[in-house]
Amino acid sequence: MKYFVFKTSGARWVWELRMNEGDVLARSPREFATLAQAIASIQLVQFAASGAWIVDADGRRLAWRA
C-alpha cells in the first residue's frame, strides 16, 4: 500500500491510500491548501488509527489491530 498525494483540478492537495494494484482504500476527508497540511493529515491517520478497534453498529468489538 502507498499514500498518493496530489493536487486536484482546483489546485488543492488531497491524499489517497491505494493498494499496489491501484485500488483506492481511503481518501483524505478534505482538501488542503498546502502539501505540508496533506502530509500532516496522513501522519495523523497513521498515528491515531494504528490501534483502532473494529466495531459493529452496536459498538461491539469485532477485531483489533495491534
C-alpha atoms as a PDB file:
ATOM      1  CA  MET A   1       0.000   0.000   0.000  1.00  0.00           C
ATOM      2  CA  LYS A   2       1.029   3.574  -0.616  1.00  0.00           C
ATOM      3  CA  TYR A   3      -0.260   7.035   0.138  1.00  0.00           C
ATOM      4  CA  PHE A   4      -0.527   9.135  -3.022  1.00  0.00           C
ATOM      5  CA  VAL A   5      -0.563  12.917  -2.578  1.00  0.00           C
ATOM      6  CA  PHE A   6      -1.673  15.064  -5.497  1.00  0.00           C
ATOM      7  CA  LYS A   7      -3.329  18.319  -6.496  1.00  0.00           C
ATOM      8  CA  THR A   8      -6.961  18.470  -7.554  1.00  0.00           C
ATOM      9  CA  SER A   9      -8.163  20.463 -10.527  1.00  0.00           C
ATOM     10  CA  GLY A  10      -8.867  23.244  -8.022  1.00  0.00           C
ATOM     11  CA  ALA A  11      -5.175  23.301  -7.023  1.00  0.00           C
ATOM     12  CA  ARG A  12      -5.854  21.844  -3.568  1.00  0.00           C
ATOM     13  CA  TRP A  13      -3.942  18.883  -2.100  1.00  0.00           C
ATOM     14  CA  VAL A  14      -5.544  15.518  -1.331  1.00  0.00           C
ATOM     15  CA  TRP A  15      -4.251  12.072  -0.456  1.00  0.00           C
ATOM     16  CA  GLU A  16      -5.394   8.570  -1.228  1.00  0.00           C
ATOM     17  CA  LEU A  17      -4.339   5.292   0.333  1.00  0.00           C
ATOM     18  CA  ARG A  18      -4.047   2.812  -2.523  1.00  0.00           C
ATOM     19  CA  MET A  19      -3.353  -0.870  -2.899  1.00  0.00           C
ATOM     20  CA  ASN A  20      -0.336  -1.763  -5.033  1.00  0.00           C
ATOM     21  CA  GLU A  21      -2.782  -2.582  -7.849  1.00  0.00           C
ATOM     22  CA  GLY A  22      -4.120   0.988  -7.672  1.00  0.00           C
ATOM     23  CA  ASP A  23      -7.444   0.402  -5.912  1.00  0.00           C
ATOM     24  CA  VAL A  24      -8.306   3.287  -3.574  1.00  0.00           C
ATOM     25  CA  LEU A  25      -8.903   2.214   0.029  1.00  0.00           C
ATOM     26  CA  ALA A  26      -9.287   5.662   1.579  1.00  0.00           C
ATOM     27  CA  ARG A  27      -9.199   9.328   0.604  1.00  0.00           C
ATOM     28  CA  SER A  28      -8.448  12.400   2.666  1.00  0.00           C
ATOM     29  CA  PRO A  29     -11.559  13.760   4.377  1.00  0.00           C
ATOM     30  CA  ARG A  30     -10.971  17.178   2.874  1.00  0.00           C
ATOM     31  CA  GLU A  31      -8.723  19.096   0.504  1.00  0.00           C
ATOM     32  CA  PHE A  32      -5.728  21.011   1.838  1.00  0.00           C
ATOM     33  CA  ALA A  33      -4.185  24.347   0.891  1.00  0.00           C
ATOM     34  CA  THR A  34      -0.616  23.072   1.214  1.00  0.00           C
ATOM     35  CA  LEU A  35       1.314  19.872   0.668  1.00  0.00           C
ATOM     36  CA  ALA A  36       2.530  20.058   4.272  1.00  0.00           C
ATOM     37  CA  GLN A  37      -1.076  20.017   5.541  1.00  0.00           C
ATOM     38  CA  ALA A  38      -1.866  16.948   3.434  1.00  0.00           C
ATOM     39  CA  ILE A  39       1.194  15.114   4.755  1.00  0.00           C
ATOM     40  CA  ALA A  40       0.321  16.079   8.327  1.00  0.00           C
ATOM     41  CA  SER A  41      -3.155  14.599   7.775  1.00  0.00           C
ATOM     42  CA  ILE A  42      -1.618  11.301   6.614  1.00  0.00           C
ATOM     43  CA  GLN A  43       0.644  11.219   9.654  1.00  0.00           C
ATOM     44  CA  LEU A  44      -2.303  11.874  11.960  1.00  0.00           C
ATOM     45  CA  VAL A  45      -4.270   8.985  10.448  1.00  0.00           C
ATOM     46  CA  GLN A  46      -1.248   6.681  10.660  1.00  0.00           C
ATOM     47  CA  PHE A  47      -0.726   7.517  14.325  1.00  0.00           C
ATOM     48  CA  ALA A  48      -4.323   7.763  15.506  1.00  0.00           C
ATOM     49  CA  ALA A  49      -5.618   4.658  13.721  1.00  0.00           C
ATOM     50  CA  SER A  50      -2.747   2.296  14.480  1.00  0.00           C
ATOM     51  CA  GLY A  51      -4.572   0.723  17.410  1.00  0.00           C
ATOM     52  CA  ALA A  52      -8.168   1.392  16.408  1.00  0.00           C
ATOM     53  CA  TRP A  53     -10.807  -1.214  17.159  1.00  0.00           C
ATOM     54  CA  ILE A  54     -13.188  -2.519  14.514  1.00  0.00           C
ATOM     55  CA  VAL A  55     -16.734  -2.385  15.895  1.00  0.00           C
ATOM     56  CA  ASP A  56     -20.235  -3.215  14.675  1.00  0.00           C
ATOM     57  CA  ALA A  57     -23.210  -0.851  14.617  1.00  0.00           C
ATOM     58  CA  ASP A  58     -23.913  -1.643  18.273  1.00  0.00           C
ATOM     59  CA  GLY A  59     -20.386  -0.799  19.335  1.00  0.00           C
ATOM     60  CA  ARG A  60     -19.314  -4.413  19.917  1.00  0.00           C
ATOM     61  CA  ARG A  61     -15.658  -5.040  19.216  1.00  0.00           C
ATOM     62  CA  LEU A  62     -15.086  -7.334  16.272  1.00  0.00           C
ATOM     63  CA  ALA A  63     -11.323  -7.113  15.860  1.00  0.00           C
ATOM     64  CA  TRP A  64      -8.292  -5.113  16.850  1.00  0.00           C
ATOM     65  CA  ARG A  65      -5.058  -4.393  15.056  1.00  0.00           C
ATOM     66  CA  ALA A  66      -2.072  -4.042  17.365  1.00  0.00           C
END
